[in-house]
N, C-alpha and C. Protein backbone atom coordinates (compact mmCIF):
# COMPACT_ATOMS: atom_id res chain seq x y z
N UNK A 1 36.82 122.93 44.81
CA UNK A 1 36.91 122.25 46.10
C UNK A 1 35.96 121.06 46.17
N UNK A 2 34.80 121.14 45.53
CA UNK A 2 33.85 120.04 45.65
C UNK A 2 34.37 118.76 45.01
N UNK A 3 35.19 118.89 43.96
CA UNK A 3 35.76 117.70 43.35
C UNK A 3 36.69 117.01 44.34
N UNK A 4 37.50 117.78 45.03
CA UNK A 4 38.41 117.20 46.02
C UNK A 4 37.63 116.59 47.17
N UNK A 5 36.53 117.22 47.56
CA UNK A 5 35.70 116.67 48.62
C UNK A 5 35.15 115.31 48.19
N UNK A 6 34.75 115.19 46.94
CA UNK A 6 34.30 113.89 46.42
C UNK A 6 35.42 112.86 46.49
N UNK A 7 36.62 113.26 46.13
CA UNK A 7 37.76 112.34 46.19
C UNK A 7 38.02 111.90 47.63
N UNK A 8 37.94 112.83 48.55
CA UNK A 8 38.17 112.49 49.96
C UNK A 8 37.07 111.58 50.49
N UNK A 9 35.85 111.78 50.05
CA UNK A 9 34.75 110.90 50.45
C UNK A 9 35.00 109.48 49.94
N UNK A 10 35.44 109.37 48.70
CA UNK A 10 35.77 108.05 48.13
C UNK A 10 36.92 107.43 48.90
N UNK A 11 37.95 108.23 49.17
CA UNK A 11 39.11 107.76 49.93
C UNK A 11 38.68 107.18 51.28
N UNK A 12 37.82 107.90 52.00
CA UNK A 12 37.36 107.43 53.31
C UNK A 12 36.58 106.13 53.20
N UNK A 13 35.75 106.01 52.20
CA UNK A 13 34.96 104.79 52.05
C UNK A 13 35.85 103.60 51.70
N UNK A 14 36.82 103.79 50.85
CA UNK A 14 37.76 102.71 50.53
C UNK A 14 38.52 102.30 51.79
N UNK A 15 38.95 103.27 52.57
CA UNK A 15 39.68 102.97 53.81
C UNK A 15 38.80 102.18 54.77
N UNK A 16 37.55 102.59 54.92
CA UNK A 16 36.65 101.89 55.83
C UNK A 16 36.33 100.48 55.35
N UNK A 17 36.12 100.32 54.06
CA UNK A 17 35.75 99.03 53.50
C UNK A 17 36.96 98.13 53.23
N UNK A 18 38.14 98.72 53.17
CA UNK A 18 39.38 98.01 52.84
C UNK A 18 39.26 97.27 51.51
N UNK A 19 38.51 97.88 50.61
CA UNK A 19 38.27 97.25 49.31
C UNK A 19 37.71 98.29 48.34
N UNK A 20 38.28 98.34 47.13
CA UNK A 20 37.74 99.22 46.10
C UNK A 20 36.35 98.74 45.67
N UNK A 21 36.18 97.43 45.55
CA UNK A 21 34.90 96.88 45.10
C UNK A 21 33.78 97.14 46.09
N UNK A 22 34.03 96.91 47.37
CA UNK A 22 33.00 97.15 48.38
C UNK A 22 32.68 98.65 48.49
N UNK A 23 33.70 99.48 48.38
CA UNK A 23 33.46 100.93 48.41
C UNK A 23 32.63 101.34 47.20
N UNK A 24 32.91 100.76 46.06
CA UNK A 24 32.14 101.08 44.85
C UNK A 24 30.66 100.74 45.05
N UNK A 25 30.39 99.60 45.63
CA UNK A 25 28.99 99.21 45.88
C UNK A 25 28.32 100.18 46.85
N UNK A 26 29.01 100.56 47.90
CA UNK A 26 28.43 101.47 48.90
C UNK A 26 28.18 102.86 48.33
N UNK A 27 29.03 103.27 47.39
CA UNK A 27 28.92 104.61 46.81
C UNK A 27 28.15 104.62 45.49
N UNK A 28 27.65 103.46 45.07
CA UNK A 28 26.92 103.33 43.81
C UNK A 28 27.75 103.82 42.63
N UNK A 29 29.00 103.35 42.62
CA UNK A 29 29.94 103.68 41.55
C UNK A 29 30.53 102.39 41.02
N UNK A 30 31.26 102.49 39.93
CA UNK A 30 31.95 101.32 39.41
C UNK A 30 33.31 101.21 40.09
N UNK A 31 33.84 100.00 40.12
CA UNK A 31 35.16 99.78 40.72
C UNK A 31 36.24 100.55 39.94
N UNK A 32 36.20 100.56 38.59
CA UNK A 32 37.21 101.36 37.88
C UNK A 32 37.15 102.85 38.21
N UNK A 33 35.94 103.38 38.44
CA UNK A 33 35.82 104.80 38.81
C UNK A 33 36.44 105.06 40.17
N UNK A 34 36.28 104.12 41.09
CA UNK A 34 36.89 104.25 42.42
C UNK A 34 38.41 104.21 42.29
N UNK A 35 38.91 103.26 41.53
CA UNK A 35 40.36 103.14 41.33
C UNK A 35 40.93 104.41 40.72
N UNK A 36 40.24 104.96 39.73
CA UNK A 36 40.71 106.19 39.07
C UNK A 36 40.71 107.36 40.04
N UNK A 37 39.67 107.46 40.86
CA UNK A 37 39.60 108.54 41.84
C UNK A 37 40.75 108.47 42.83
N UNK A 38 41.05 107.27 43.31
CA UNK A 38 42.15 107.11 44.26
C UNK A 38 43.48 107.43 43.58
N UNK A 39 43.65 106.98 42.36
CA UNK A 39 44.88 107.30 41.62
C UNK A 39 45.02 108.81 41.44
N UNK A 40 43.92 109.50 41.14
CA UNK A 40 43.97 110.96 40.97
C UNK A 40 44.35 111.64 42.28
N UNK A 41 43.77 111.18 43.39
CA UNK A 41 44.09 111.78 44.68
C UNK A 41 45.55 111.53 45.04
N UNK A 42 46.02 110.31 44.82
CA UNK A 42 47.42 109.99 45.11
C UNK A 42 48.35 110.85 44.26
N UNK A 43 47.99 111.04 43.01
CA UNK A 43 48.83 111.86 42.12
C UNK A 43 48.83 113.31 42.58
N UNK A 44 47.65 113.83 42.93
CA UNK A 44 47.55 115.22 43.37
C UNK A 44 48.33 115.48 44.65
N UNK A 45 48.27 114.52 45.58
CA UNK A 45 48.97 114.67 46.86
C UNK A 45 50.42 114.20 46.81
N UNK A 46 50.75 113.50 45.74
CA UNK A 46 52.09 112.94 45.53
C UNK A 46 52.50 112.00 46.67
N UNK A 47 51.54 111.18 47.11
CA UNK A 47 51.82 110.14 48.10
C UNK A 47 51.01 108.90 47.75
N UNK A 48 51.47 107.78 48.23
CA UNK A 48 50.74 106.52 48.08
C UNK A 48 49.85 106.38 49.31
N UNK A 49 48.55 106.20 49.09
CA UNK A 49 47.60 106.13 50.20
C UNK A 49 47.29 104.71 50.63
N UNK A 50 47.35 103.78 49.69
CA UNK A 50 46.98 102.39 49.98
C UNK A 50 48.05 101.43 49.49
N UNK A 51 48.16 100.32 50.21
CA UNK A 51 48.93 99.18 49.74
C UNK A 51 47.90 98.20 49.19
N UNK A 52 48.05 97.85 47.93
CA UNK A 52 47.10 96.96 47.28
C UNK A 52 47.58 95.53 47.38
N UNK A 53 46.67 94.63 47.76
CA UNK A 53 46.96 93.21 47.81
C UNK A 53 45.84 92.46 47.11
N UNK A 54 45.99 91.17 46.96
CA UNK A 54 44.94 90.37 46.32
C UNK A 54 43.70 90.28 47.21
N UNK A 55 43.84 90.56 48.50
CA UNK A 55 42.71 90.48 49.43
C UNK A 55 42.07 91.83 49.72
N UNK A 56 42.56 92.89 49.11
CA UNK A 56 42.00 94.21 49.33
C UNK A 56 43.09 95.25 49.46
N UNK A 57 42.81 96.28 50.22
CA UNK A 57 43.77 97.37 50.40
C UNK A 57 43.91 97.70 51.88
N UNK A 58 45.08 98.19 52.23
CA UNK A 58 45.32 98.71 53.57
C UNK A 58 45.95 100.08 53.42
N UNK A 59 45.72 100.92 54.40
CA UNK A 59 46.29 102.26 54.38
C UNK A 59 47.79 102.22 54.62
N UNK A 60 48.50 103.06 53.90
CA UNK A 60 49.92 103.28 54.20
C UNK A 60 49.98 104.17 55.44
N UNK A 61 51.17 104.41 55.95
CA UNK A 61 51.31 105.31 57.10
C UNK A 61 50.77 106.70 56.76
N UNK A 62 51.11 107.19 55.56
CA UNK A 62 50.61 108.50 55.13
C UNK A 62 49.09 108.47 54.97
N UNK A 63 48.58 107.35 54.44
CA UNK A 63 47.14 107.19 54.27
C UNK A 63 46.41 107.20 55.60
N UNK A 64 46.98 106.55 56.60
CA UNK A 64 46.35 106.54 57.93
C UNK A 64 46.28 107.95 58.52
N UNK A 65 47.35 108.70 58.37
CA UNK A 65 47.37 110.07 58.88
C UNK A 65 46.33 110.93 58.16
N UNK A 66 46.28 110.82 56.84
CA UNK A 66 45.29 111.57 56.08
C UNK A 66 43.88 111.15 56.45
N UNK A 67 43.65 109.84 56.62
CA UNK A 67 42.33 109.34 56.97
C UNK A 67 41.83 109.95 58.28
N UNK A 68 42.70 110.04 59.27
CA UNK A 68 42.29 110.62 60.56
C UNK A 68 41.74 112.03 60.38
N UNK A 69 42.41 112.83 59.58
CA UNK A 69 41.99 114.22 59.37
C UNK A 69 40.75 114.30 58.49
N UNK A 70 40.76 113.58 57.39
CA UNK A 70 39.66 113.67 56.43
C UNK A 70 38.38 113.08 57.02
N UNK A 71 38.49 111.95 57.69
CA UNK A 71 37.31 111.33 58.27
C UNK A 71 36.68 112.24 59.33
N UNK A 72 37.51 112.89 60.15
CA UNK A 72 37.01 113.84 61.14
C UNK A 72 36.29 115.00 60.46
N UNK A 73 36.88 115.50 59.39
CA UNK A 73 36.28 116.63 58.67
C UNK A 73 34.94 116.24 58.05
N UNK A 74 34.87 115.08 57.45
CA UNK A 74 33.62 114.63 56.84
C UNK A 74 32.56 114.42 57.92
N UNK A 75 32.95 113.88 59.06
CA UNK A 75 31.99 113.71 60.16
C UNK A 75 31.47 115.07 60.63
N UNK A 76 32.34 116.06 60.71
CA UNK A 76 31.91 117.40 61.11
C UNK A 76 30.93 118.00 60.11
N UNK A 77 31.15 117.76 58.84
CA UNK A 77 30.23 118.24 57.80
C UNK A 77 28.86 117.59 58.00
N UNK A 78 28.84 116.29 58.26
CA UNK A 78 27.56 115.59 58.46
C UNK A 78 26.82 116.13 59.69
N UNK A 79 27.56 116.41 60.76
CA UNK A 79 26.94 116.97 61.96
C UNK A 79 26.36 118.35 61.65
N UNK A 80 27.11 119.16 60.93
CA UNK A 80 26.61 120.48 60.55
C UNK A 80 25.36 120.40 59.70
N UNK A 81 25.33 119.47 58.76
CA UNK A 81 24.15 119.30 57.91
C UNK A 81 22.94 118.89 58.74
N UNK A 82 23.14 118.02 59.72
CA UNK A 82 22.03 117.57 60.55
C UNK A 82 21.37 118.74 61.29
N UNK A 83 22.17 119.74 61.66
CA UNK A 83 21.62 120.91 62.34
C UNK A 83 20.65 121.68 61.45
N UNK A 84 20.84 121.62 60.15
CA UNK A 84 19.96 122.32 59.24
C UNK A 84 18.87 121.46 58.69
N UNK A 85 18.96 120.17 58.86
CA UNK A 85 17.99 119.24 58.29
C UNK A 85 17.04 118.70 59.34
N UNK A 86 16.80 119.46 60.38
CA UNK A 86 15.87 119.02 61.42
C UNK A 86 14.47 118.95 60.82
N UNK A 87 13.67 117.98 61.26
CA UNK A 87 12.30 117.86 60.75
C UNK A 87 11.50 119.13 61.03
N UNK A 88 10.72 119.54 60.05
CA UNK A 88 9.89 120.73 60.21
C UNK A 88 8.58 120.34 60.88
N UNK A 89 8.18 121.13 61.85
CA UNK A 89 6.97 120.84 62.62
C UNK A 89 5.79 121.56 62.05
């Protein structure tokens, strides 16, 4: 499951940045690694998540629907982590 969570995290960052290159910089990864991760996720889900253009990427209809769910889930994980990472007094 953690591998898929990594793929979903990459997917969300690409969607937010609308660019594989910008997402790679934000995630401290290479652009080819980002492209490969997205290709793997698309293959696993058997859907196209992004429309690629010379100016970047945009979500497909299926990609937008997935983004809504995955982004919400990742945000919930971050909120849960914050509850455990409170500063110690």
